[in-house]
Structures are given as C-alpha cells and as structure tokens.
C-alpha cells in the first residue's frame, strides 16, 4: 500500500494538481491593477519547476522503444 502512495503515477497526478492550482492562482493575480510582482514571479517559477518535474516523470513512465 505504501509503495502506491509514492508511485510515479501518483506523483505525476499530484504534480498535475498542484500545477493546475498554480495556473488558476496566477490567472487570478495577473489581471489585478497592482499585483505583487515578486509573488507572481515566484509562482510562475514554481509552475515551471512543476512542469519540468511532470515532463521528467512522463518520460520515465513511457515504455522505451527498441532501437
């Protein structure tokens, strides 16, 4: 049971959920007249880190094609 909680599939789902939450938060912050630029920059940077982690996990989960 414990192994399924930390499986790559589970991690990918959690990363996608966090990425979607950040997308929504950034979208709500962006139209404001005077958004906190530092916070917005940090949110966008975190979103990029999540995107990279998702890409890495997706590559790991794809079956390798024979050469």
Protein backbone atom coordinates (compact mmCIF):
# COMPACT_ATOMS: atom_id res chain seq x y z
CA UNK A 1 0.00 0.00 0.00
CA UNK A 2 2.77 2.43 0.91
CA UNK A 3 4.50 1.93 -2.43
CA UNK A 4 1.38 3.02 -4.31
CA UNK A 5 1.32 6.30 -2.36
CA UNK A 6 4.74 7.20 -3.75
CA UNK A 7 4.47 5.60 -7.17
CA UNK A 8 5.49 7.68 -10.19
CA UNK A 9 1.88 7.67 -11.41
CA UNK A 10 0.69 9.07 -8.08
CA UNK A 11 3.47 11.68 -8.07
CA UNK A 12 2.51 12.75 -11.58
CA UNK A 13 -1.14 13.17 -10.56
CA UNK A 14 -0.12 15.28 -7.55
CA UNK A 15 2.19 17.43 -9.67
CA UNK A 16 -0.57 17.99 -12.24
CA UNK A 17 -2.98 19.02 -9.50
CA UNK A 18 -0.50 21.48 -7.99
CA UNK A 19 0.31 22.85 -11.46
CA UNK A 20 -3.40 23.39 -12.18
CA UNK A 21 -3.84 25.14 -8.83
CA UNK A 22 -0.92 27.44 -9.60
CA UNK A 23 -2.33 28.17 -13.07
CA UNK A 24 -5.63 29.24 -11.52
CA UNK A 25 -3.90 31.35 -8.88
CA UNK A 26 -1.67 33.06 -11.45
CA UNK A 27 -4.65 33.75 -13.69
CA UNK A 28 -6.48 35.39 -10.79
CA UNK A 29 -3.44 37.51 -9.88
CA UNK A 30 -2.46 38.65 -13.37
CA UNK A 31 -5.41 40.99 -14.17
CA UNK A 32 -5.03 42.94 -10.91
CA UNK A 33 -4.00 46.55 -11.33
CA UNK A 34 -1.05 46.27 -8.93
CA UNK A 35 -0.16 42.61 -8.35
CA UNK A 36 2.72 41.74 -6.09
CA UNK A 37 5.35 41.21 -8.78
CA UNK A 38 7.71 39.22 -6.56
CA UNK A 39 4.99 36.79 -5.52
CA UNK A 40 3.78 36.43 -9.09
CA UNK A 41 7.33 35.75 -10.27
CA UNK A 42 7.80 33.09 -7.58
CA UNK A 43 4.51 31.42 -8.51
CA UNK A 44 5.49 31.32 -12.18
CA UNK A 45 8.92 29.91 -11.31
CA UNK A 46 7.33 27.19 -9.16
CA UNK A 47 4.96 26.40 -12.04
CA UNK A 48 7.96 25.92 -14.36
CA UNK A 49 9.66 23.65 -11.83
CA UNK A 50 6.48 21.56 -11.64
CA UNK A 51 6.25 21.43 -15.44
CA UNK A 52 9.84 20.14 -15.64
CA UNK A 53 9.14 17.53 -12.96
CA UNK A 54 6.00 16.39 -14.80
CA UNK A 55 7.90 16.10 -18.08
CA UNK A 56 10.63 14.06 -16.38
CA UNK A 57 8.11 11.69 -14.78
CA UNK A 58 6.20 11.30 -18.04
CA UNK A 59 9.42 10.32 -19.82
CA UNK A 60 10.19 7.79 -17.08
CA UNK A 61 6.73 6.25 -17.37
CA UNK A 62 6.80 5.89 -21.15
CA UNK A 63 7.99 2.49 -22.33
CA UNK A 64 11.35 2.59 -24.05
CA UNK A 65 11.23 1.96 -27.78
CA UNK A 66 13.67 -0.62 -29.05
CA UNK A 67 16.43 0.80 -31.21
